[in-house]
Amino acid sequence: MGGIYYLQNKRKTAISYFEKSLEIGTYDIDVLLLKAYSHQKLGENKRAIQCCEKIQEIDPKNKSVFNLLKELN
């Protein structure tokens, strides 16, 4: 559901679904990345960076996160 809301540009609603999903699958990189992008689009860069840092703990070589962090900094 979060992905659908993300595509509809309903970022806050998407984030709430991403958070529910992460309660079940804490290490879901795809969900974390969509959550990071949502925070970025809302101008919540600190929260986006926190998501990116969590992804880097799981997958240090993730290129999407590397690119997003470059944009955020």
N, C-alpha and C. Protein backbone atom coordinates (compact mmCIF):
# COMPACT_ATOMS: atom_id res chain seq x y z
N MET A 1 0.82 -1.20 0.00
CA MET A 1 0.00 0.00 0.00
C MET A 1 0.86 1.27 0.00
N GLY A 2 1.95 1.21 0.76
CA GLY A 2 2.82 2.38 0.82
C GLY A 2 3.34 2.79 -0.54
N GLY A 3 3.69 1.80 -1.36
CA GLY A 3 4.19 2.08 -2.70
C GLY A 3 3.15 2.77 -3.57
N ILE A 4 1.90 2.39 -3.40
CA ILE A 4 0.82 3.01 -4.18
C ILE A 4 0.68 4.48 -3.78
N TYR A 5 0.67 4.73 -2.48
CA TYR A 5 0.56 6.12 -2.01
C TYR A 5 1.78 6.93 -2.43
N TYR A 6 2.94 6.29 -2.44
CA TYR A 6 4.15 6.98 -2.88
C TYR A 6 3.99 7.43 -4.34
N LEU A 7 3.50 6.55 -5.19
CA LEU A 7 3.31 6.87 -6.60
C LEU A 7 2.25 7.94 -6.81
N GLN A 8 1.32 8.04 -5.87
CA GLN A 8 0.27 9.06 -5.95
C GLN A 8 0.70 10.37 -5.30
N ASN A 9 1.97 10.46 -4.93
CA ASN A 9 2.53 11.65 -4.28
C ASN A 9 1.88 11.95 -2.93
N LYS A 10 1.37 10.93 -2.28
CA LYS A 10 0.80 11.07 -0.93
C LYS A 10 1.85 10.54 0.05
N ARG A 11 2.90 11.33 0.20
CA ARG A 11 4.10 10.89 0.91
C ARG A 11 3.86 10.58 2.39
N LYS A 12 3.13 11.41 3.09
CA LYS A 12 2.91 11.19 4.52
C LYS A 12 2.13 9.89 4.76
N THR A 13 1.14 9.66 3.94
CA THR A 13 0.37 8.41 4.06
C THR A 13 1.27 7.23 3.72
N ALA A 14 2.08 7.37 2.69
CA ALA A 14 3.01 6.30 2.31
C ALA A 14 3.95 5.98 3.46
N ILE A 15 4.48 7.00 4.11
CA ILE A 15 5.42 6.79 5.21
C ILE A 15 4.77 5.99 6.34
N SER A 16 3.51 6.28 6.63
CA SER A 16 2.84 5.53 7.71
C SER A 16 2.75 4.04 7.35
N TYR A 17 2.50 3.74 6.08
CA TYR A 17 2.47 2.33 5.66
C TYR A 17 3.87 1.72 5.67
N PHE A 18 4.86 2.50 5.28
CA PHE A 18 6.23 1.99 5.32
C PHE A 18 6.64 1.65 6.74
N GLU A 19 6.25 2.49 7.69
CA GLU A 19 6.59 2.24 9.09
C GLU A 19 5.93 0.97 9.59
N LYS A 20 4.67 0.74 9.21
CA LYS A 20 3.98 -0.49 9.59
C LYS A 20 4.67 -1.70 8.99
N SER A 21 5.08 -1.58 7.75
CA SER A 21 5.77 -2.67 7.08
C SER A 21 7.11 -2.97 7.74
N LEU A 22 7.80 -1.93 8.17
CA LEU A 22 9.12 -2.11 8.80
C LEU A 22 9.01 -2.70 10.20
N GLU A 23 7.83 -2.62 10.82
CA GLU A 23 7.62 -3.30 12.09
C GLU A 23 7.70 -4.81 11.90
N ILE A 24 7.30 -5.26 10.74
CA ILE A 24 7.32 -6.69 10.42
C ILE A 24 8.66 -7.10 9.85
N GLY A 25 9.14 -6.35 8.87
CA GLY A 25 10.40 -6.65 8.20
C GLY A 25 11.38 -5.51 8.37
N THR A 26 12.04 -5.46 9.50
CA THR A 26 12.92 -4.36 9.86
C THR A 26 14.00 -4.09 8.83
N TYR A 27 14.44 -5.13 8.13
CA TYR A 27 15.58 -5.01 7.23
C TYR A 27 15.18 -5.00 5.76
N ASP A 28 13.97 -4.56 5.46
CA ASP A 28 13.50 -4.52 4.08
C ASP A 28 14.07 -3.27 3.41
N ILE A 29 15.09 -3.47 2.61
CA ILE A 29 15.81 -2.36 1.98
C ILE A 29 14.91 -1.56 1.04
N ASP A 30 14.05 -2.24 0.30
CA ASP A 30 13.17 -1.55 -0.64
C ASP A 30 12.23 -0.58 0.09
N VAL A 31 11.67 -1.04 1.20
CA VAL A 31 10.76 -0.19 1.97
C VAL A 31 11.54 0.98 2.59
N LEU A 32 12.71 0.69 3.13
CA LEU A 32 13.53 1.75 3.71
C LEU A 32 13.91 2.81 2.67
N LEU A 33 14.20 2.36 1.46
CA LEU A 33 14.58 3.29 0.41
C LEU A 33 13.39 4.16 -0.01
N LEU A 34 12.22 3.56 -0.15
CA LEU A 34 11.04 4.35 -0.49
C LEU A 34 10.71 5.34 0.63
N LYS A 35 10.91 4.91 1.86
CA LYS A 35 10.68 5.81 3.00
C LYS A 35 11.67 6.97 2.95
N ALA A 36 12.92 6.68 2.64
CA ALA A 36 13.93 7.73 2.53
C ALA A 36 13.56 8.72 1.42
N TYR A 37 13.14 8.21 0.26
CA TYR A 37 12.74 9.09 -0.84
C TYR A 37 11.53 9.95 -0.43
N SER A 38 10.60 9.36 0.29
CA SER A 38 9.42 10.10 0.73
C SER A 38 9.82 11.25 1.66
N HIS A 39 10.70 10.95 2.60
CA HIS A 39 11.16 12.00 3.51
C HIS A 39 11.89 13.10 2.73
N GLN A 40 12.67 12.69 1.74
CA GLN A 40 13.39 13.68 0.94
C GLN A 40 12.39 14.61 0.22
N LYS A 41 11.37 14.02 -0.37
CA LYS A 41 10.38 14.82 -1.11
C LYS A 41 9.63 15.78 -0.18
N LEU A 42 9.51 15.40 1.10
CA LEU A 42 8.84 16.26 2.07
C LEU A 42 9.79 17.28 2.70
N GLY A 43 11.05 17.23 2.29
CA GLY A 43 12.04 18.16 2.84
C GLY A 43 12.54 17.74 4.22
N GLU A 44 12.31 16.49 4.57
CA GLU A 44 12.73 15.96 5.87
C GLU A 44 14.05 15.21 5.69
N ASN A 45 15.09 15.98 5.39
CA ASN A 45 16.37 15.38 5.03
C ASN A 45 17.00 14.58 6.16
N LYS A 46 16.85 15.04 7.39
CA LYS A 46 17.44 14.32 8.52
C LYS A 46 16.85 12.91 8.62
N ARG A 47 15.55 12.82 8.46
CA ARG A 47 14.90 11.49 8.52
C ARG A 47 15.30 10.64 7.32
N ALA A 48 15.44 11.26 6.17
CA ALA A 48 15.87 10.53 4.97
C ALA A 48 17.27 9.96 5.19
N ILE A 49 18.14 10.76 5.78
CA ILE A 49 19.51 10.31 6.05
C ILE A 49 19.51 9.16 7.05
N GLN A 50 18.63 9.21 8.04
CA GLN A 50 18.53 8.11 9.01
C GLN A 50 18.15 6.81 8.31
N CYS A 51 17.22 6.88 7.37
CA CYS A 51 16.84 5.69 6.61
C CYS A 51 18.03 5.18 5.80
N CYS A 52 18.75 6.10 5.18
CA CYS A 52 19.91 5.72 4.37
C CYS A 52 20.98 5.05 5.23
N GLU A 53 21.19 5.57 6.42
CA GLU A 53 22.20 4.98 7.31
C GLU A 53 21.81 3.56 7.70
N LYS A 54 20.52 3.33 7.91
CA LYS A 54 20.06 1.98 8.25
C LYS A 54 20.29 1.03 7.07
N ILE A 55 20.02 1.52 5.86
CA ILE A 55 20.24 0.70 4.67
C ILE A 55 21.73 0.37 4.54
N GLN A 56 22.58 1.35 4.80
CA GLN A 56 24.02 1.12 4.69
C GLN A 56 24.51 0.08 5.69
N GLU A 57 23.87 0.00 6.86
CA GLU A 57 24.21 -1.05 7.82
C GLU A 57 23.91 -2.43 7.25
N ILE A 58 22.81 -2.52 6.51
CA ILE A 58 22.37 -3.79 5.95
C ILE A 58 23.13 -4.11 4.66
N ASP A 59 23.25 -3.11 3.80
CA ASP A 59 23.86 -3.28 2.48
C ASP A 59 24.79 -2.10 2.19
N PRO A 60 26.04 -2.18 2.66
CA PRO A 60 26.97 -1.05 2.54
C PRO A 60 27.28 -0.62 1.10
N LYS A 61 27.03 -1.47 0.13
CA LYS A 61 27.36 -1.16 -1.26
C LYS A 61 26.15 -0.74 -2.08
N ASN A 62 25.06 -0.42 -1.44
CA ASN A 62 23.83 -0.05 -2.13
C ASN A 62 24.03 1.27 -2.87
N LYS A 63 23.96 1.22 -4.20
CA LYS A 63 24.23 2.40 -5.02
C LYS A 63 23.12 3.44 -4.94
N SER A 64 21.88 3.00 -4.78
CA SER A 64 20.77 3.94 -4.67
C SER A 64 20.93 4.83 -3.44
N VAL A 65 21.36 4.23 -2.35
CA VAL A 65 21.56 4.99 -1.12
C VAL A 65 22.73 5.95 -1.28
N PHE A 66 23.78 5.49 -1.91
CA PHE A 66 24.94 6.34 -2.14
C PHE A 66 24.53 7.59 -2.93
N ASN A 67 23.74 7.39 -3.98
CA ASN A 67 23.29 8.51 -4.81
C ASN A 67 22.35 9.44 -4.05
N LEU A 68 21.46 8.86 -3.26
CA LEU A 68 20.53 9.68 -2.49
C LEU A 68 21.28 10.51 -1.45
N LEU A 69 22.25 9.90 -0.79
CA LEU A 69 23.02 10.64 0.21
C LEU A 69 23.78 11.80 -0.43
N LYS A 70 24.25 11.60 -1.66
CA LYS A 70 24.93 12.71 -2.37
C LYS A 70 23.96 13.86 -2.59
N GLU A 71 22.73 13.54 -2.95
CA GLU A 71 21.72 14.58 -3.16
C GLU A 71 21.36 15.30 -1.86
N LEU A 72 21.31 14.54 -0.77
CA LEU A 72 20.90 15.11 0.51
C LEU A 72 21.97 15.98 1.13
N ASN A 73 23.21 15.67 0.84
CA ASN A 73 24.30 16.45 1.43
C ASN A 73 24.70 17.50 0.46
